[in-house]
C-alpha atoms as a PDB file:
ATOM      1  CA  UNK A   1     -20.121 248.616  23.045  1.00  0.00           C
ATOM      2  CA  UNK A   2     -20.474 244.556  23.912  1.00  0.00           C
ATOM      3  CA  UNK A   3     -18.751 241.620  21.702  1.00  0.00           C
ATOM      4  CA  UNK A   4     -19.494 238.296  22.744  1.00  0.00           C
ATOM      5  CA  UNK A   5     -18.101 235.110  21.046  1.00  0.00           C
ATOM      6  CA  UNK A   6     -19.986 232.100  20.147  1.00  0.00           C
ATOM      7  CA  UNK A   7     -20.475 229.075  18.115  1.00  0.00           C
ATOM      8  CA  UNK A   8     -23.653 228.514  16.133  1.00  0.00           C
ATOM      9  CA  UNK A   9     -23.827 224.999  15.811  1.00  0.00           C
ATOM     10  CA  UNK A  10     -27.057 224.677  14.244  1.00  0.00           C
ATOM     11  CA  UNK A  11     -30.295 226.248  13.069  1.00  0.00           C
ATOM     12  CA  UNK A  12     -33.835 225.324  12.348  1.00  0.00           C
ATOM     13  CA  UNK A  13     -37.272 227.062  11.212  1.00  0.00           C
ATOM     14  CA  UNK A  14     -40.837 226.754  10.466  1.00  0.00           C
ATOM     15  CA  UNK A  15     -43.455 228.497   8.754  1.00  0.00           C
ATOM     16  CA  UNK A  16     -46.136 228.321   6.614  1.00  0.00           C
ATOM     17  CA  UNK A  17     -45.181 226.520   3.288  1.00  0.00           C
ATOM     18  CA  UNK A  18     -41.897 226.928   4.436  1.00  0.00           C
ATOM     19  CA  UNK A  19     -40.908 223.315   5.992  1.00  0.00           C
ATOM     20  CA  UNK A  20     -37.207 222.223   4.499  1.00  0.00           C
ATOM     21  CA  UNK A  21     -34.154 223.908   4.274  1.00  0.00           C
ATOM     22  CA  UNK A  22     -34.496 223.992   0.309  1.00  0.00           C
ATOM     23  CA  UNK A  23     -37.651 226.326   0.581  1.00  0.00           C
ATOM     24  CA  UNK A  24     -35.807 228.491   3.333  1.00  0.00           C
ATOM     25  CA  UNK A  25     -33.114 228.633   1.346  1.00  0.00           C
ATOM     26  CA  UNK A  26     -35.420 229.323  -1.987  1.00  0.00           C
ATOM     27  CA  UNK A  27     -37.697 232.161   0.272  1.00  0.00           C
ATOM     28  CA  UNK A  28     -34.533 233.946   1.296  1.00  0.00           C
ATOM     29  CA  UNK A  29     -33.842 235.364  -2.052  1.00  0.00           C
ATOM     30  CA  UNK A  30     -36.957 237.221  -1.844  1.00  0.00           C
ATOM     31  CA  UNK A  31     -38.186 236.984   2.002  1.00  0.00           C
ATOM     32  CA  UNK A  32     -41.965 237.907   2.544  1.00  0.00           C
ATOM     33  CA  UNK A  33     -43.890 237.338   5.222  1.00  0.00           C
ATOM     34  CA  UNK A  34     -45.330 233.765   5.406  1.00  0.00           C
ATOM     35  CA  UNK A  35     -48.797 233.254   6.513  1.00  0.00           C
ATOM     36  CA  UNK A  36     -51.377 230.632   6.350  1.00  0.00           C
ATOM     37  CA  UNK A  37     -53.535 227.624   7.834  1.00  0.00           C
ATOM     38  CA  UNK A  38     -50.807 225.273   7.638  1.00  0.00           C
ATOM     39  CA  UNK A  39     -49.614 223.620  11.038  1.00  0.00           C
ATOM     40  CA  UNK A  40     -46.528 222.112  12.350  1.00  0.00           C
ATOM     41  CA  UNK A  41     -46.742 217.901  12.373  1.00  0.00           C
ATOM     42  CA  UNK A  42     -44.096 217.550  15.516  1.00  0.00           C
ATOM     43  CA  UNK A  43     -44.385 214.271  14.147  1.00  0.00           C
ATOM     44  CA  UNK A  44     -41.984 213.000  17.321  1.00  0.00           C
ATOM     45  CA  UNK A  45     -43.909 214.315  20.165  1.00  0.00           C
ATOM     46  CA  UNK A  46     -46.603 211.803  22.227  1.00  0.00           C
ATOM     47  CA  UNK A  47     -50.036 212.247  20.770  1.00  0.00           C
ATOM     48  CA  UNK A  48     -51.856 213.037  24.230  1.00  0.00           C
ATOM     49  CA  UNK A  49     -49.158 216.025  24.260  1.00  0.00           C
ATOM     50  CA  UNK A  50     -50.024 217.141  20.534  1.00  0.00           C
ATOM     51  CA  UNK A  51     -53.586 217.542  21.268  1.00  0.00           C
ATOM     52  CA  UNK A  52     -52.608 220.162  24.204  1.00  0.00           C
ATOM     53  CA  UNK A  53     -50.697 222.089  21.546  1.00  0.00           C
ATOM     54  CA  UNK A  54     -51.636 225.527  19.850  1.00  0.00           C
ATOM     55  CA  UNK A  55     -50.321 226.631  16.699  1.00  0.00           C
ATOM     56  CA  UNK A  56     -47.604 228.637  18.611  1.00  0.00           C
ATOM     57  CA  UNK A  57     -46.665 225.931  20.645  1.00  0.00           C
ATOM     58  CA  UNK A  58     -46.681 223.232  17.667  1.00  0.00           C
ATOM     59  CA  UNK A  59     -44.446 225.798  16.026  1.00  0.00           C
ATOM     60  CA  UNK A  60     -41.903 226.097  19.209  1.00  0.00           C
ATOM     61  CA  UNK A  61     -41.831 222.169  19.043  1.00  0.00           C
ATOM     62  CA  UNK A  62     -41.112 221.680  16.000  1.00  0.00           C
ATOM     63  CA  UNK A  63     -37.803 223.908  15.575  1.00  0.00           C
ATOM     64  CA  UNK A  64     -36.905 222.823  19.254  1.00  0.00           C
ATOM     65  CA  UNK A  65     -36.919 219.248  18.854  1.00  0.00           C
ATOM     66  CA  UNK A  66     -35.696 219.237  15.005  1.00  0.00           C
ATOM     67  CA  UNK A  67     -32.905 221.629  16.370  1.00  0.00           C
ATOM     68  CA  UNK A  68     -31.816 219.844  19.986  1.00  0.00           C
ATOM     69  CA  UNK A  69     -31.518 216.590  18.096  1.00  0.00           C
ATOM     70  CA  UNK A  70     -28.462 217.810  17.127  1.00  0.00           C
ATOM     71  CA  UNK A  71     -25.057 216.029  19.249  1.00  0.00           C
ATOM     72  CA  UNK A  72     -22.558 218.702  20.889  1.00  0.00           C
ATOM     73  CA  UNK A  73     -19.843 218.392  19.765  1.00  0.00           C
ATOM     74  CA  UNK A  74     -17.151 217.003  22.183  1.00  0.00           C
ATOM     75  CA  UNK A  75     -19.730 215.575  24.481  1.00  0.00           C
ATOM     76  CA  UNK A  76     -19.376 212.037  24.162  1.00  0.00           C
ATOM     77  CA  UNK A  77     -23.497 212.382  23.537  1.00  0.00           C
ATOM     78  CA  UNK A  78     -26.005 214.710  23.432  1.00  0.00           C
ATOM     79  CA  UNK A  79     -26.024 216.694  26.745  1.00  0.00           C
ATOM     80  CA  UNK A  80     -29.470 219.039  27.206  1.00  0.00           C
ATOM     81  CA  UNK A  81     -29.021 222.441  26.109  1.00  0.00           C
ATOM     82  CA  UNK A  82     -30.064 225.220  28.337  1.00  0.00           C
ATOM     83  CA  UNK A  83     -33.467 227.159  26.478  1.00  0.00           C
ATOM     84  CA  UNK A  84     -34.327 230.328  25.552  1.00  0.00           C
ATOM     85  CA  UNK A  85     -37.738 231.243  24.156  1.00  0.00           C
ATOM     86  CA  UNK A  86     -38.391 234.780  22.790  1.00  0.00           C
ATOM     87  CA  UNK A  87     -41.618 236.062  21.366  1.00  0.00           C
ATOM     88  CA  UNK A  88     -43.190 239.187  20.866  1.00  0.00           C
ATOM     89  CA  UNK A  89     -46.420 238.509  21.152  1.00  0.00           C
ATOM     90  CA  UNK A  90     -46.782 235.063  22.759  1.00  0.00           C
ATOM     91  CA  UNK A  91     -50.305 233.306  22.321  1.00  0.00           C
ATOM     92  CA  UNK A  92     -51.884 236.550  21.462  1.00  0.00           C
ATOM     93  CA  UNK A  93     -54.585 234.897  19.766  1.00  0.00           C
ATOM     94  CA  UNK A  94     -55.699 232.741  22.804  1.00  0.00           C
ATOM     95  CA  UNK A  95     -55.125 235.530  25.187  1.00  0.00           C
ATOM     96  CA  UNK A  96     -57.504 237.477  23.019  1.00  0.00           C
ATOM     97  CA  UNK A  97     -60.503 234.830  23.377  1.00  0.00           C
ATOM     98  CA  UNK A  98     -60.121 234.579  27.346  1.00  0.00           C
ATOM     99  CA  UNK A  99     -60.689 238.470  27.227  1.00  0.00           C
ATOM    100  CA  UNK A 100     -63.711 238.333  25.315  1.00  0.00           C
ATOM    101  CA  UNK A 101     -65.017 235.806  27.742  1.00  0.00           C
ATOM    102  CA  UNK A 102     -64.138 237.447  30.555  1.00  0.00           C
ATOM    103  CA  UNK A 103     -65.843 240.623  29.161  1.00  0.00           C
ATOM    104  CA  UNK A 104     -68.762 238.519  27.979  1.00  0.00           C
ATOM    105  CA  UNK A 105     -68.710 237.244  32.089  1.00  0.00           C
ATOM    106  CA  UNK A 106     -68.139 233.927  30.953  1.00  0.00           C
ATOM    107  CA  UNK A 107     -66.067 231.494  32.252  1.00  0.00           C
ATOM    108  CA  UNK A 108     -62.264 230.565  31.393  1.00  0.00           C
ATOM    109  CA  UNK A 109     -61.403 226.978  30.540  1.00  0.00           C
ATOM    110  CA  UNK A 110     -58.566 226.196  33.284  1.00  0.00           C
ATOM    111  CA  UNK A 111     -56.628 224.520  30.853  1.00  0.00           C
ATOM    112  CA  UNK A 112     -56.910 227.350  27.939  1.00  0.00           C
ATOM    113  CA  UNK A 113     -55.354 229.904  30.523  1.00  0.00           C
ATOM    114  CA  UNK A 114     -52.793 227.765  31.872  1.00  0.00           C
ATOM    115  CA  UNK A 115     -51.681 227.179  28.219  1.00  0.00           C
ATOM    116  CA  UNK A 116     -51.759 231.294  27.343  1.00  0.00           C
ATOM    117  CA  UNK A 117     -48.892 232.048  29.682  1.00  0.00           C
ATOM    118  CA  UNK A 118     -45.808 233.148  28.109  1.00  0.00           C
ATOM    119  CA  UNK A 119     -44.070 230.360  29.652  1.00  0.00           C
ATOM    120  CA  UNK A 120     -46.668 227.465  28.653  1.00  0.00           C
ATOM    121  CA  UNK A 121     -44.242 226.726  25.097  1.00  0.00           C
ATOM    122  CA  UNK A 122     -41.385 226.279  27.012  1.00  0.00           C
ATOM    123  CA  UNK A 123     -43.008 224.020  29.575  1.00  0.00           C
ATOM    124  CA  UNK A 124     -44.285 221.835  26.734  1.00  0.00           C
ATOM    125  CA  UNK A 125     -41.144 221.847  25.031  1.00  0.00           C
ATOM    126  CA  UNK A 126     -39.352 220.464  28.301  1.00  0.00           C
ATOM    127  CA  UNK A 127     -42.057 217.539  28.511  1.00  0.00           C
ATOM    128  CA  UNK A 128     -41.443 217.193  24.602  1.00  0.00           C
ATOM    129  CA  UNK A 129     -37.634 216.838  25.297  1.00  0.00           C
ATOM    130  CA  UNK A 130     -37.273 215.386  28.727  1.00  0.00           C
ATOM    131  CA  UNK A 131     -35.275 218.116  29.492  1.00  0.00           C
ATOM    132  CA  UNK A 132     -35.391 219.143  33.120  1.00  0.00           C
ATOM    133  CA  UNK A 133     -32.744 221.824  32.647  1.00  0.00           C
ATOM    134  CA  UNK A 134     -32.646 225.578  32.168  1.00  0.00           C
ATOM    135  CA  UNK A 135     -35.602 227.242  30.762  1.00  0.00           C
ATOM    136  CA  UNK A 136     -36.039 230.869  30.367  1.00  0.00           C
ATOM    137  CA  UNK A 137     -38.892 233.179  28.448  1.00  0.00           C
ATOM    138  CA  UNK A 138     -38.171 236.345  27.843  1.00  0.00           C
ATOM    139  CA  UNK A 139     -40.327 239.247  25.602  1.00  0.00           C
ATOM    140  CA  UNK A 140     -39.320 242.688  24.807  1.00  0.00           C
ATOM    141  CA  UNK A 141     -41.440 244.484  21.938  1.00  0.00           C
ATOM    142  CA  UNK A 142     -39.679 244.836  19.228  1.00  0.00           C
ATOM    143  CA  UNK A 143     -36.733 244.236  20.649  1.00  0.00           C
ATOM    144  CA  UNK A 144     -37.557 240.690  21.625  1.00  0.00           C
ATOM    145  CA  UNK A 145     -35.014 238.495  19.801  1.00  0.00           C
ATOM    146  CA  UNK A 146     -31.795 240.631  21.029  1.00  0.00           C
ATOM    147  CA  UNK A 147     -32.997 240.449  24.641  1.00  0.00           C
ATOM    148  CA  UNK A 148     -33.573 236.755  24.018  1.00  0.00           C
ATOM    149  CA  UNK A 149     -30.196 236.480  22.731  1.00  0.00           C
ATOM    150  CA  UNK A 150     -28.113 238.443  25.280  1.00  0.00           C
ATOM    151  CA  UNK A 151     -30.001 235.818  27.856  1.00  0.00           C
ATOM    152  CA  UNK A 152     -28.645 232.919  25.722  1.00  0.00           C
ATOM    153  CA  UNK A 153     -24.920 234.534  25.171  1.00  0.00           C
ATOM    154  CA  UNK A 154     -25.248 234.803  29.465  1.00  0.00           C
ATOM    155  CA  UNK A 155     -26.118 231.431  29.893  1.00  0.00           C
ATOM    156  CA  UNK A 156     -22.949 230.083  28.236  1.00  0.00           C
ATOM    157  CA  UNK A 157     -21.178 231.164  30.767  1.00  0.00           C
ATOM    158  CA  UNK A 158     -22.520 227.867  32.598  1.00  0.00           C
ATOM    159  CA  UNK A 159     -23.645 225.666  29.948  1.00  0.00           C
ATOM    160  CA  UNK A 160     -22.271 224.392  27.022  1.00  0.00           C
ATOM    161  CA  UNK A 161     -25.188 224.774  24.904  1.00  0.00           C
ATOM    162  CA  UNK A 162     -28.056 227.108  24.721  1.00  0.00           C
ATOM    163  CA  UNK A 163     -31.071 226.494  22.370  1.00  0.00           C
ATOM    164  CA  UNK A 164     -32.756 229.762  21.277  1.00  0.00           C
ATOM    165  CA  UNK A 165     -35.671 230.121  19.926  1.00  0.00           C
ATOM    166  CA  UNK A 166     -37.986 232.648  18.593  1.00  0.00           C
ATOM    167  CA  UNK A 167     -41.357 231.854  17.796  1.00  0.00           C
ATOM    168  CA  UNK A 168     -44.345 234.320  16.843  1.00  0.00           C
ATOM    169  CA  UNK A 169     -48.003 233.830  15.328  1.00  0.00           C
ATOM    170  CA  UNK A 170     -50.053 235.941  13.757  1.00  0.00           C
ATOM    171  CA  UNK A 171     -51.417 238.407  16.165  1.00  0.00           C
ATOM    172  CA  UNK A 172     -55.450 239.525  15.513  1.00  0.00           C
ATOM    173  CA  UNK A 173     -56.385 241.934  13.166  1.00  0.00           C
ATOM    174  CA  UNK A 174     -57.289 244.214  15.540  1.00  0.00           C
ATOM    175  CA  UNK A 175     -53.481 244.575  16.520  1.00  0.00           C
ATOM    176  CA  UNK A 176     -52.309 245.753  13.099  1.00  0.00           C
ATOM    177  CA  UNK A 177     -52.633 249.601  12.931  1.00  0.00           C
ATOM    178  CA  UNK A 178     -49.984 248.752  16.290  1.00  0.00           C
ATOM    179  CA  UNK A 179     -47.728 247.426  14.811  1.00  0.00           C
ATOM    180  CA  UNK A 180     -44.359 247.976  13.441  1.00  0.00           C
ATOM    181  CA  UNK A 181     -43.322 245.617  11.209  1.00  0.00           C
ATOM    182  CA  UNK A 182     -45.353 242.746   9.413  1.00  0.00           C
ATOM    183  CA  UNK A 183     -47.358 240.068  10.701  1.00  0.00           C
ATOM    184  CA  UNK A 184     -46.281 236.623  10.476  1.00  0.00           C
ATOM    185  CA  UNK A 185     -46.181 233.134  11.334  1.00  0.00           C
ATOM    186  CA  UNK A 186     -42.737 231.629  11.882  1.00  0.00           C
ATOM    187  CA  UNK A 187     -40.311 229.881  14.577  1.00  0.00           C
ATOM    188  CA  UNK A 188     -36.845 230.137  14.461  1.00  0.00           C
ATOM    189  CA  UNK A 189     -34.482 228.036  16.900  1.00  0.00           C
ATOM    190  CA  UNK A 190     -30.502 228.235  16.808  1.00  0.00           C
ATOM    191  CA  UNK A 191     -28.066 225.920  18.858  1.00  0.00           C
ATOM    192  CA  UNK A 192     -25.567 228.124  20.393  1.00  0.00           C
ATOM    193  CA  UNK A 193     -22.511 226.398  21.958  1.00  0.00           C
ATOM    194  CA  UNK A 194     -18.946 228.361  22.864  1.00  0.00           C
ATOM    195  CA  UNK A 195     -16.661 229.215  20.354  1.00  0.00           C
ATOM    196  CA  UNK A 196     -14.860 232.010  18.199  1.00  0.00           C
ATOM    197  CA  UNK A 197     -16.836 231.145  15.220  1.00  0.00           C
ATOM    198  CA  UNK A 198     -19.218 233.978  15.521  1.00  0.00           C
ATOM    199  CA  UNK A 199     -19.075 237.440  17.036  1.00  0.00           C
ATOM    200  CA  UNK A 200     -22.204 239.808  18.419  1.00  0.00           C
ATOM    201  CA  UNK A 201     -21.796 243.238  18.816  1.00  0.00           C
ATOM    202  CA  UNK A 202     -24.368 245.163  20.518  1.00  0.00           C
ATOM    203  CA  UNK A 203     -24.616 248.831  21.487  1.00  0.00           C
ATOM    204  CA  UNK A 204     -27.159 250.774  22.795  1.00  0.00           C
ATOM    205  CA  UNK A 205     -29.384 252.768  20.291  1.00  0.00           C
ATOM    206  CA  UNK A 206     -28.206 256.678  20.182  1.00  0.00           C
ATOM    207  CA  UNK A 207     -30.753 257.910  18.212  1.00  0.00           C
ATOM    208  CA  UNK A 208     -33.926 259.830  19.889  1.00  0.00           C
ATOM    209  CA  UNK A 209     -36.836 257.585  19.972  1.00  0.00           C
ATOM    210  CA  UNK A 210     -40.475 258.101  20.435  1.00  0.00           C
ATOM    211  CA  UNK A 211     -41.828 256.578  23.196  1.00  0.00           C
ATOM    212  CA  UNK A 212     -44.484 253.328  22.263  1.00  0.00           C
ATOM    213  CA  UNK A 213     -47.616 254.937  22.922  1.00  0.00           C
ATOM    214  CA  UNK A 214     -46.959 258.035  21.290  1.00  0.00           C
ATOM    215  CA  UNK A 215     -46.601 255.464  17.910  1.00  0.00           C
ATOM    216  CA  UNK A 216     -49.418 254.480  18.602  1.00  0.00           C
ATOM    217  CA  UNK A 217     -50.959 257.351  18.765  1.00  0.00           C
ATOM    218  CA  UNK A 218     -50.345 257.933  15.552  1.00  0.00           C
ATOM    219  CA  UNK A 219     -51.278 254.715  13.968  1.00  0.00           C
ATOM    220  CA  UNK A 220     -52.882 256.535  11.239  1.00  0.00           C
ATOM    221  CA  UNK A 221     -49.236 257.923   9.369  1.00  0.00           C
ATOM    222  CA  UNK A 222     -48.068 255.092   9.850  1.00  0.00           C
ATOM    223  CA  UNK A 223     -47.291 252.869   6.384  1.00  0.00           C
ATOM    224  CA  UNK A 224     -49.146 249.645   5.309  1.00  0.00           C
ATOM    225  CA  UNK A 225     -48.569 246.772   6.917  1.00  0.00           C
ATOM    226  CA  UNK A 226     -47.733 245.039   3.873  1.00  0.00           C
ATOM    227  CA  UNK A 227     -44.579 247.980   3.509  1.00  0.00           C
ATOM    228  CA  UNK A 228     -43.201 247.347   7.195  1.00  0.00           C
ATOM    229  CA  UNK A 229     -40.164 246.017   7.696  1.00  0.00           C
ATOM    230  CA  UNK A 230     -39.929 242.074   8.316  1.00  0.00           C
ATOM    231  CA  UNK A 231     -39.642 240.786  12.030  1.00  0.00           C
ATOM    232  CA  UNK A 232     -36.236 240.674  13.074  1.00  0.00           C
ATOM    233  CA  UNK A 233     -35.841 237.129  13.940  1.00  0.00           C
ATOM    234  CA  UNK A 234     -37.551 236.669  10.149  1.00  0.00           C
ATOM    235  CA  UNK A 235     -34.378 238.617   8.758  1.00  0.00           C
ATOM    236  CA  UNK A 236     -32.192 236.731  10.522  1.00  0.00           C
ATOM    237  CA  UNK A 237     -33.607 233.566   8.915  1.00  0.00           C
ATOM    238  CA  UNK A 238     -33.242 234.517   5.666  1.00  0.00           C
ATOM    239  CA  UNK A 239     -29.425 235.635   6.516  1.00  0.00           C
ATOM    240  CA  UNK A 240     -28.858 231.844   7.677  1.00  0.00           C
ATOM    241  CA  UNK A 241     -30.934 230.150   4.955  1.00  0.00           C
ATOM    242  CA  UNK A 242     -28.995 232.257   1.892  1.00  0.00           C
ATOM    243  CA  UNK A 243     -25.799 230.253   4.061  1.00  0.00           C
ATOM    244  CA  UNK A 244     -23.217 233.856   4.024  1.00  0.00           C
ATOM    245  CA  UNK A 245     -19.809 234.436   5.632  1.00  0.00           C
ATOM    246  CA  UNK A 246     -20.554 238.164   6.995  1.00  0.00           C
ATOM    247  CA  UNK A 247     -22.381 240.589   8.939  1.00  0.00           C
ATOM    248  CA  UNK A 248     -25.888 240.560   9.859  1.00  0.00           C
ATOM    249  CA  UNK A 249     -27.228 244.204  11.087  1.00  0.00           C
ATOM    250  CA  UNK A 250     -30.003 244.860  12.730  1.00  0.00           C
ATOM    251  CA  UNK A 251     -31.436 247.999  14.547  1.00  0.00           C
ATOM    252  CA  UNK A 252     -34.189 248.132  16.774  1.00  0.00           C
ATOM    253  CA  UNK A 253     -36.343 250.431  19.720  1.00  0.00           C
ATOM    254  CA  UNK A 254     -33.418 250.182  22.386  1.00  0.00           C
ATOM    255  CA  UNK A 255     -29.931 247.766  20.683  1.00  0.00           C
ATOM    256  CA  UNK A 256     -28.405 248.406  17.588  1.00  0.00           C
ATOM    257  CA  UNK A 257     -26.624 244.733  17.394  1.00  0.00           C
ATOM    258  CA  UNK A 258     -24.342 243.084  14.083  1.00  0.00           C
ATOM    259  CA  UNK A 259     -23.544 238.979  14.293  1.00  0.00           C
ATOM    260  CA  UNK A 260     -20.750 238.369  12.152  1.00  0.00           C
ATOM    261  CA  UNK A 261     -19.881 234.421  11.000  1.00  0.00           C
ATOM    262  CA  UNK A 262     -16.186 234.031  10.438  1.00  0.00           C
ATOM    263  CA  UNK A 263     -15.452 232.671   7.220  1.00  0.00           C
ATOM    264  CA  UNK A 264     -13.628 229.358   7.767  1.00  0.00           C
END
């Protein structure tokens, strides 16, 4: 088991219908999977950049710019943090459109293709915030949140703060039978700093695991989409929104982890 210490300096979240801290606090009492057509305003992002943004990009920029605006204690001013973006599905909707065009023999839009790659949202966030530092993009199936958190903690060795963002848009409908969690559109950002306010314990999953392909081949046996668990990052958002002092535990394909906040 590995144990890491850090401070959780700030957090920000956005989902359709959940745009304020008060709305998230109310949602956290009985969490559900947020969906809808609303789009983040990203009002503090220049209009020319806003026009290039997909829904996924907008969610990343909304929570990223809000959280990055937090001053780092003891810095004498704002210090641009290192940034880690975790996303299991990334630009799934845009990618599906591009694949359909390829199948039909149609040409691809260079701009649409360039903004479909996994680190496109990170690049747009860098432009929007003027942060020319370290940006990392992580995707690790259902372990994406845990893998992104490990990456963020490793960056704290050389950086005074790290901005960790997890964002997902609802995948295309024909992906749904193969998913092991509910679909949702949301983004969560947490600003991490050096300190002893929180501990994260990580241990490898020891129970026998079925391969992902095996799970997918038996999709007919899976429970309905609505009865599957919420995405891990949404479960974490609910814990943060409740403001609890205590522990948050999560198990996934390869990791068991426990996040604890010290009561101080």
